[in-house]
Amino acid sequence: MVGFLLAATVCAGHAAAEELTGTLKNIKETGAITIGYRDSSIPFSYLDDNAKPVGFAIDICYKIVEAVKRSSSSTSSRSSSIR
């Protein structure tokens, strides 16, 4: 999942001059980014005491979400996490 989001972010810079396709097109149309994670893959992704996903992979995913938001013309994208 992280690799997929990294690829989407790298492509985001190139997509500005081209028509969006695939995941970036879907993000633009729906205004949503969904992050999948495992709840017991310490230290990559796990649930903290408040049942919030945390870990290295989650941190990377949130950085990618912010990069996609910055590179898109719409700042109204929302993200959600699923297990």
PDB file of N, CA and C in Angstrom:
ATOM      1  N   MET A   1       0.823  -1.191   0.000  1.00  0.00           N
ATOM      2  CA  MET A   1       0.000   0.000   0.000  1.00  0.00           C
ATOM      3  C   MET A   1       0.869   1.257   0.000  1.00  0.00           C
ATOM      4  N   VAL A   2       1.906   1.253   0.821  1.00  0.00           N
ATOM      5  CA  VAL A   2       2.782   2.412   0.892  1.00  0.00           C
ATOM      6  C   VAL A   2       3.458   2.654  -0.447  1.00  0.00           C
ATOM      7  N   GLY A   3       3.930   1.582  -1.087  1.00  0.00           N
ATOM      8  CA  GLY A   3       4.570   1.716  -2.393  1.00  0.00           C
ATOM      9  C   GLY A   3       3.627   2.286  -3.426  1.00  0.00           C
ATOM     10  N   PHE A   4       2.367   1.867  -3.357  1.00  0.00           N
ATOM     11  CA  PHE A   4       1.352   2.363  -4.287  1.00  0.00           C
ATOM     12  C   PHE A   4       1.155   3.862  -4.089  1.00  0.00           C
ATOM     13  N   LEU A   5       1.075   4.293  -2.833  1.00  0.00           N
ATOM     14  CA  LEU A   5       0.884   5.714  -2.558  1.00  0.00           C
ATOM     15  C   LEU A   5       2.118   6.523  -2.940  1.00  0.00           C
ATOM     16  N   LEU A   6       3.307   5.951  -2.738  1.00  0.00           N
ATOM     17  CA  LEU A   6       4.520   6.641  -3.165  1.00  0.00           C
ATOM     18  C   LEU A   6       4.522   6.845  -4.673  1.00  0.00           C
ATOM     19  N   ALA A   7       4.136   5.822  -5.403  1.00  0.00           N
ATOM     20  CA  ALA A   7       4.075   5.935  -6.864  1.00  0.00           C
ATOM     21  C   ALA A   7       3.063   6.992  -7.282  1.00  0.00           C
ATOM     22  N   ALA A   8       1.943   7.048  -6.584  1.00  0.00           N
ATOM     23  CA  ALA A   8       0.920   8.049  -6.892  1.00  0.00           C
ATOM     24  C   ALA A   8       1.450   9.455  -6.659  1.00  0.00           C
ATOM     25  N   THR A   9       2.245   9.631  -5.611  1.00  0.00           N
ATOM     26  CA  THR A   9       2.804  10.944  -5.308  1.00  0.00           C
ATOM     27  C   THR A   9       3.822  11.363  -6.356  1.00  0.00           C
ATOM     28  N   VAL A  10       4.678  10.444  -6.750  1.00  0.00           N
ATOM     29  CA  VAL A  10       5.674  10.748  -7.772  1.00  0.00           C
ATOM     30  C   VAL A  10       4.978  11.146  -9.067  1.00  0.00           C
ATOM     31  N   CYS A  11       3.932  10.438  -9.399  1.00  0.00           N
ATOM     32  CA  CYS A  11       3.182  10.735 -10.616  1.00  0.00           C
ATOM     33  C   CYS A  11       2.420  12.048 -10.514  1.00  0.00           C
ATOM     34  N   ALA A  12       2.126  12.491  -9.305  1.00  0.00           N
ATOM     35  CA  ALA A  12       1.346  13.711  -9.119  1.00  0.00           C
ATOM     36  C   ALA A  12       2.049  14.912  -9.739  1.00  0.00           C
ATOM     37  N   GLY A  13       3.375  14.953  -9.621  1.00  0.00           N
ATOM     38  CA  GLY A  13       4.127  16.056 -10.212  1.00  0.00           C
ATOM     39  C   GLY A  13       4.023  16.063 -11.726  1.00  0.00           C
ATOM     40  N   HIS A  14       4.001  14.918 -12.340  1.00  0.00           N
ATOM     41  CA  HIS A  14       3.908  14.805 -13.788  1.00  0.00           C
ATOM     42  C   HIS A  14       2.470  14.993 -14.265  1.00  0.00           C
ATOM     43  N   ALA A  15       1.520  14.743 -13.410  1.00  0.00           N
ATOM     44  CA  ALA A  15       0.121  14.795 -13.807  1.00  0.00           C
ATOM     45  C   ALA A  15      -0.374  16.218 -14.005  1.00  0.00           C
ATOM     46  N   ALA A  16       0.348  17.194 -13.501  1.00  0.00           N
ATOM     47  CA  ALA A  16      -0.094  18.574 -13.633  1.00  0.00           C
ATOM     48  C   ALA A  16      -0.217  18.982 -15.100  1.00  0.00           C
ATOM     49  N   ALA A  17       0.689  18.503 -15.935  1.00  0.00           N
ATOM     50  CA  ALA A  17       0.675  18.864 -17.342  1.00  0.00           C
ATOM     51  C   ALA A  17      -0.125  17.878 -18.187  1.00  0.00           C
ATOM     52  N   GLU A  18      -0.477  16.752 -17.607  1.00  0.00           N
ATOM     53  CA  GLU A  18      -1.189  15.717 -18.332  1.00  0.00           C
ATOM     54  C   GLU A  18      -2.561  15.488 -17.705  1.00  0.00           C
ATOM     55  N   GLU A  19      -3.407  14.794 -18.440  1.00  0.00           N
ATOM     56  CA  GLU A  19      -4.711  14.431 -17.905  1.00  0.00           C
ATOM     57  C   GLU A  19      -4.529  13.365 -16.829  1.00  0.00           C
ATOM     58  N   LEU A  20      -5.252  13.522 -15.720  1.00  0.00           N
ATOM     59  CA  LEU A  20      -5.143  12.555 -14.631  1.00  0.00           C
ATOM     60  C   LEU A  20      -5.826  11.243 -14.997  1.00  0.00           C
ATOM     61  N   THR A  21      -5.222  10.142 -14.553  1.00  0.00           N
ATOM     62  CA  THR A  21      -5.805   8.815 -14.750  1.00  0.00           C
ATOM     63  C   THR A  21      -5.639   8.012 -13.472  1.00  0.00           C
ATOM     64  N   GLY A  22      -6.302   6.897 -13.393  1.00  0.00           N
ATOM     65  CA  GLY A  22      -6.124   5.958 -12.288  1.00  0.00           C
ATOM     66  C   GLY A  22      -6.443   6.538 -10.926  1.00  0.00           C
ATOM     67  N   THR A  23      -5.550   6.285  -9.985  1.00  0.00           N
ATOM     68  CA  THR A  23      -5.761   6.675  -8.595  1.00  0.00           C
ATOM     69  C   THR A  23      -5.871   8.182  -8.430  1.00  0.00           C
ATOM     70  N   LEU A  24      -5.002   8.943  -9.082  1.00  0.00           N
ATOM     71  CA  LEU A  24      -5.056  10.396  -8.934  1.00  0.00           C
ATOM     72  C   LEU A  24      -6.363  10.971  -9.482  1.00  0.00           C
ATOM     73  N   LYS A  25      -6.859  10.401 -10.562  1.00  0.00           N
ATOM     74  CA  LYS A  25      -8.148  10.838 -11.103  1.00  0.00           C
ATOM     75  C   LYS A  25      -9.263  10.532 -10.095  1.00  0.00           C
ATOM     76  N   ASN A  26      -9.211   9.342  -9.502  1.00  0.00           N
ATOM     77  CA  ASN A  26     -10.202   8.951  -8.511  1.00  0.00           C
ATOM     78  C   ASN A  26     -10.162   9.875  -7.291  1.00  0.00           C
ATOM     79  N   ILE A  27      -8.967  10.226  -6.837  1.00  0.00           N
ATOM     80  CA  ILE A  27      -8.828  11.140  -5.701  1.00  0.00           C
ATOM     81  C   ILE A  27      -9.441  12.486  -6.036  1.00  0.00           C
ATOM     82  N   LYS A  28      -9.163  12.984  -7.229  1.00  0.00           N
ATOM     83  CA  LYS A  28      -9.699  14.286  -7.627  1.00  0.00           C
ATOM     84  C   LYS A  28     -11.224  14.249  -7.726  1.00  0.00           C
ATOM     85  N   GLU A  29     -11.768  13.166  -8.285  1.00  0.00           N
ATOM     86  CA  GLU A  29     -13.220  13.066  -8.451  1.00  0.00           C
ATOM     87  C   GLU A  29     -13.956  12.896  -7.130  1.00  0.00           C
ATOM     88  N   THR A  30     -13.403  12.103  -6.222  1.00  0.00           N
ATOM     89  CA  THR A  30     -14.095  11.817  -4.961  1.00  0.00           C
ATOM     90  C   THR A  30     -13.688  12.750  -3.827  1.00  0.00           C
ATOM     91  N   GLY A  31     -12.509  13.344  -3.945  1.00  0.00           N
ATOM     92  CA  GLY A  31     -12.013  14.189  -2.862  1.00  0.00           C
ATOM     93  C   GLY A  31     -11.605  13.372  -1.645  1.00  0.00           C
ATOM     94  N   ALA A  32     -11.345  12.073  -1.847  1.00  0.00           N
ATOM     95  CA  ALA A  32     -11.012  11.195  -0.720  1.00  0.00           C
ATOM     96  C   ALA A  32      -9.796  10.336  -1.023  1.00  0.00           C
ATOM     97  N   ILE A  33      -9.003  10.085   0.011  1.00  0.00           N
ATOM     98  CA  ILE A  33      -7.863   9.187  -0.057  1.00  0.00           C
ATOM     99  C   ILE A  33      -8.055   8.170   1.060  1.00  0.00           C
ATOM    100  N   THR A  34      -8.032   6.892   0.714  1.00  0.00           N
ATOM    101  CA  THR A  34      -8.204   5.834   1.702  1.00  0.00           C
ATOM    102  C   THR A  34      -6.874   5.139   1.944  1.00  0.00           C
ATOM    103  N   ILE A  35      -6.517   4.994   3.215  1.00  0.00           N
ATOM    104  CA  ILE A  35      -5.259   4.364   3.602  1.00  0.00           C
ATOM    105  C   ILE A  35      -5.579   3.039   4.275  1.00  0.00           C
ATOM    106  N   GLY A  36      -5.038   1.961   3.743  1.00  0.00           N
ATOM    107  CA  GLY A  36      -5.202   0.645   4.353  1.00  0.00           C
ATOM    108  C   GLY A  36      -4.018   0.354   5.263  1.00  0.00           C
ATOM    109  N   TYR A  37      -4.249  -0.355   6.354  1.00  0.00           N
ATOM    110  CA  TYR A  37      -3.168  -0.669   7.283  1.00  0.00           C
ATOM    111  C   TYR A  37      -3.478  -1.956   8.035  1.00  0.00           C
ATOM    112  N   ARG A  38      -2.445  -2.534   8.622  1.00  0.00           N
ATOM    113  CA  ARG A  38      -2.603  -3.685   9.514  1.00  0.00           C
ATOM    114  C   ARG A  38      -2.549  -3.163  10.939  1.00  0.00           C
ATOM    115  N   ASP A  39      -3.383  -3.701  11.783  1.00  0.00           N
ATOM    116  CA  ASP A  39      -3.456  -3.167  13.147  1.00  0.00           C
ATOM    117  C   ASP A  39      -2.479  -3.817  14.121  1.00  0.00           C
ATOM    118  N   SER A  40      -1.656  -4.735  13.657  1.00  0.00           N
ATOM    119  CA  SER A  40      -0.706  -5.379  14.571  1.00  0.00           C
ATOM    120  C   SER A  40       0.624  -5.700  13.903  1.00  0.00           C
ATOM    121  N   SER A  41       1.133  -4.776  13.103  1.00  0.00           N
ATOM    122  CA  SER A  41       2.430  -4.964  12.434  1.00  0.00           C
ATOM    123  C   SER A  41       3.453  -3.984  13.007  1.00  0.00           C
ATOM    124  N   ILE A  42       3.690  -4.100  14.303  1.00  0.00           N
ATOM    125  CA  ILE A  42       4.607  -3.204  15.001  1.00  0.00           C
ATOM    126  C   ILE A  42       5.994  -3.364  14.390  1.00  0.00           C
ATOM    127  N   PRO A  43       6.729  -2.324  14.084  1.00  0.00           N
ATOM    128  CA  PRO A  43       6.520  -0.898  14.268  1.00  0.00           C
ATOM    129  C   PRO A  43       5.938  -0.201  13.041  1.00  0.00           C
ATOM    130  N   PHE A  44       5.544  -0.960  12.025  1.00  0.00           N
ATOM    131  CA  PHE A  44       5.076  -0.361  10.778  1.00  0.00           C
ATOM    132  C   PHE A  44       3.686   0.236  10.896  1.00  0.00           C
ATOM    133  N   SER A  45       2.740  -0.522  11.407  1.00  0.00           N
ATOM    134  CA  SER A  45       1.397  -0.005  11.653  1.00  0.00           C
ATOM    135  C   SER A  45       0.755  -0.811  12.778  1.00  0.00           C
ATOM    136  N   TYR A  46       0.145  -0.094  13.691  1.00  0.00           N
ATOM    137  CA  TYR A  46      -0.536  -0.704  14.820  1.00  0.00           C
ATOM    138  C   TYR A  46      -1.463   0.323  15.429  1.00  0.00           C
ATOM    139  N   LEU A  47      -2.300  -0.092  16.341  1.00  0.00           N
ATOM    140  CA  LEU A  47      -3.238   0.811  16.981  1.00  0.00           C
ATOM    141  C   LEU A  47      -2.681   1.275  18.321  1.00  0.00           C
ATOM    142  N   ASP A  48      -2.785   2.583  18.582  1.00  0.00           N
ATOM    143  CA  ASP A  48      -2.328   3.099  19.867  1.00  0.00           C
ATOM    144  C   ASP A  48      -3.416   2.909  20.925  1.00  0.00           C
ATOM    145  N   ASP A  49      -3.227   3.472  22.096  1.00  0.00           N
ATOM    146  CA  ASP A  49      -4.180   3.315  23.197  1.00  0.00           C
ATOM    147  C   ASP A  49      -5.560   3.880  22.885  1.00  0.00           C
ATOM    148  N   ASN A  50      -5.632   4.805  21.926  1.00  0.00           N
ATOM    149  CA  ASN A  50      -6.904   5.419  21.532  1.00  0.00           C
ATOM    150  C   ASN A  50      -7.487   4.768  20.281  1.00  0.00           C
ATOM    151  N   ALA A  51      -6.958   3.609  19.893  1.00  0.00           N
ATOM    152  CA  ALA A  51      -7.391   2.874  18.702  1.00  0.00           C
ATOM    153  C   ALA A  51      -7.163   3.669  17.417  1.00  0.00           C
ATOM    154  N   LYS A  52      -6.139   4.512  17.433  1.00  0.00           N
ATOM    155  CA  LYS A  52      -5.755   5.293  16.254  1.00  0.00           C
ATOM    156  C   LYS A  52      -4.565   4.589  15.584  1.00  0.00           C
ATOM    157  N   PRO A  53      -4.575   4.447  14.247  1.00  0.00           N
ATOM    158  CA  PRO A  53      -3.435   3.805  13.587  1.00  0.00           C
ATOM    159  C   PRO A  53      -2.185   4.685  13.667  1.00  0.00           C
ATOM    160  N   VAL A  54      -1.056   4.079  14.053  1.00  0.00           N
ATOM    161  CA  VAL A  54       0.229   4.766  14.147  1.00  0.00           C
ATOM    162  C   VAL A  54       1.319   3.832  13.637  1.00  0.00           C
ATOM    163  N   GLY A  55       2.517   4.370  13.469  1.00  0.00           N
ATOM    164  CA  GLY A  55       3.660   3.570  13.044  1.00  0.00           C
ATOM    165  C   GLY A  55       4.356   4.193  11.846  1.00  0.00           C
ATOM    166  N   PHE A  56       5.482   3.577  11.445  1.00  0.00           N
ATOM    167  CA  PHE A  56       6.278   4.104  10.336  1.00  0.00           C
ATOM    168  C   PHE A  56       5.468   4.216   9.045  1.00  0.00           C
ATOM    169  N   ALA A  57       4.777   3.160   8.682  1.00  0.00           N
ATOM    170  CA  ALA A  57       4.018   3.154   7.432  1.00  0.00           C
ATOM    171  C   ALA A  57       2.903   4.194   7.458  1.00  0.00           C
ATOM    172  N   ILE A  58       2.264   4.353   8.601  1.00  0.00           N
ATOM    173  CA  ILE A  58       1.191   5.345   8.731  1.00  0.00           C
ATOM    174  C   ILE A  58       1.768   6.747   8.568  1.00  0.00           C
ATOM    175  N   ASP A  59       2.926   7.013   9.192  1.00  0.00           N
ATOM    176  CA  ASP A  59       3.576   8.319   9.044  1.00  0.00           C
ATOM    177  C   ASP A  59       3.884   8.615   7.581  1.00  0.00           C
ATOM    178  N   ILE A  60       4.394   7.634   6.869  1.00  0.00           N
ATOM    179  CA  ILE A  60       4.710   7.811   5.446  1.00  0.00           C
ATOM    180  C   ILE A  60       3.435   8.082   4.652  1.00  0.00           C
ATOM    181  N   CYS A  61       2.385   7.330   4.934  1.00  0.00           N
ATOM    182  CA  CYS A  61       1.118   7.524   4.224  1.00  0.00           C
ATOM    183  C   CYS A  61       0.578   8.931   4.429  1.00  0.00           C
ATOM    184  N   TYR A  62       0.633   9.443   5.660  1.00  0.00           N
ATOM    185  CA  TYR A  62       0.131  10.791   5.917  1.00  0.00           C
ATOM    186  C   TYR A  62       0.979  11.853   5.225  1.00  0.00           C
ATOM    187  N   LYS A  63       2.279  11.621   5.100  1.00  0.00           N
ATOM    188  CA  LYS A  63       3.133  12.551   4.350  1.00  0.00           C
ATOM    189  C   LYS A  63       2.736  12.551   2.868  1.00  0.00           C
ATOM    190  N   ILE A  64       2.434  11.380   2.340  1.00  0.00           N
ATOM    191  CA  ILE A  64       2.008  11.271   0.944  1.00  0.00           C
ATOM    192  C   ILE A  64       0.673  11.970   0.737  1.00  0.00           C
ATOM    193  N   VAL A  65      -0.252  11.787   1.673  1.00  0.00           N
ATOM    194  CA  VAL A  65      -1.557  12.459   1.588  1.00  0.00           C
ATOM    195  C   VAL A  65      -1.351  13.971   1.535  1.00  0.00           C
ATOM    196  N   GLU A  66      -0.480  14.500   2.388  1.00  0.00           N
ATOM    197  CA  GLU A  66      -0.222  15.941   2.386  1.00  0.00           C
ATOM    198  C   GLU A  66       0.399  16.394   1.061  1.00  0.00           C
ATOM    199  N   ALA A  67       1.308  15.594   0.502  1.00  0.00           N
ATOM    200  CA  ALA A  67       1.928  15.937  -0.784  1.00  0.00           C
ATOM    201  C   ALA A  67       0.895  15.948  -1.905  1.00  0.00           C
ATOM    202  N   VAL A  68      -0.004  14.979  -1.904  1.00  0.00           N
ATOM    203  CA  VAL A  68      -1.055  14.935  -2.924  1.00  0.00           C
ATOM    204  C   VAL A  68      -1.973  16.143  -2.772  1.00  0.00           C
ATOM    205  N   LYS A  69      -2.313  16.499  -1.547  1.00  0.00           N
ATOM    206  CA  LYS A  69      -3.154  17.681  -1.319  1.00  0.00           C
ATOM    207  C   LYS A  69      -2.472  18.939  -1.838  1.00  0.00           C
ATOM    208  N   ARG A  70      -1.172  19.073  -1.559  1.00  0.00           N
ATOM    209  CA  ARG A  70      -0.444  20.264  -2.021  1.00  0.00           C
ATOM    210  C   ARG A  70      -0.350  20.327  -3.529  1.00  0.00           C
ATOM    211  N   SER A  71      -0.195  19.181  -4.182  1.00  0.00           N
ATOM    212  CA  SER A  71       0.001  19.180  -5.630  1.00  0.00           C
ATOM    213  C   SER A  71      -1.300  19.256  -6.420  1.00  0.00           C
ATOM    214  N   SER A  72      -2.417  18.977  -5.762  1.00  0.00           N
ATOM    215  CA  SER A  72      -3.689  19.027  -6.479  1.00  0.00           C
ATOM    216  C   SER A  72      -4.274  20.423  -6.397  1.00  0.00           C
ATOM    217  N   SER A  73      -5.160  20.728  -7.314  1.00  0.00           N
ATOM    218  CA  SER A  73      -5.790  22.047  -7.304  1.00  0.00           C
ATOM    219  C   SER A  73      -6.858  22.147  -6.231  1.00  0.00           C
ATOM    220  N   SER A  74      -7.306  21.009  -5.729  1.00  0.00           N
ATOM    221  CA  SER A  74      -8.327  20.994  -4.685  1.00  0.00           C
ATOM    222  C   SER A  74      -7.682  20.707  -3.339  1.00  0.00           C
ATOM    223  N   THR A  75      -7.965  21.546  -2.361  1.00  0.00           N
ATOM    224  CA  THR A  75      -7.411  21.336  -1.020  1.00  0.00           C
ATOM    225  C   THR A  75      -8.443  20.685  -0.100  1.00  0.00           C
ATOM    226  N   SER A  76      -9.545  20.225  -0.672  1.00  0.00           N
ATOM    227  CA  SER A  76     -10.606  19.678   0.150  1.00  0.00           C
ATOM    228  C   SER A  76     -10.535  18.153   0.277  1.00  0.00           C
ATOM    229  N   SER A  77      -9.413  17.552  -0.147  1.00  0.00           N
ATOM    230  CA  SER A  77      -9.302  16.101  -0.035  1.00  0.00           C
ATOM    231  C   SER A  77      -9.305  15.687   1.427  1.00  0.00           C
ATOM    232  N   ARG A  78      -9.994  14.572   1.691  1.00  0.00           N
ATOM    233  CA  ARG A  78     -10.013  14.039   3.045  1.00  0.00           C
ATOM    234  C   ARG A  78      -9.424  12.633   2.990  1.00  0.00           C
ATOM    235  N   SER A  79      -8.858  12.199   4.092  1.00  0.00           N
ATOM    236  CA  SER A  79      -8.297  10.844   4.120  1.00  0.00           C
ATOM    237  C   SER A  79      -8.987  10.043   5.213  1.00  0.00           C
ATOM    238  N   SER A  80      -9.044   8.756   4.980  1.00  0.00           N
ATOM    239  CA  SER A  80      -9.592   7.852   5.990  1.00  0.00           C
ATOM    240  C   SER A  80      -8.744   6.598   6.010  1.00  0.00           C
ATOM    241  N   SER A  81      -8.766   5.913   7.137  1.00  0.00           N
ATOM    242  CA  SER A  81      -7.974   4.702   7.295  1.00  0.00           C
ATOM    243  C   SER A  81      -8.901   3.502   7.425  1.00  0.00           C
ATOM    244  N   ILE A  82      -8.509   2.406   6.792  1.00  0.00           N
ATOM    245  CA  ILE A  82      -9.260   1.156   6.916  1.00  0.00           C
ATOM    246  C   ILE A  82      -8.280   0.041   7.240  1.00  0.00           C
ATOM    247  N   ARG A  83      -8.754  -0.999   7.945  1.00  0.00           N
ATOM    248  CA  ARG A  83      -7.872  -2.124   8.214  1.00  0.00           C
ATOM    249  C   ARG A  83      -8.287  -3.286   7.369  1.00  0.00           C
TER     250      ARG A  83
END
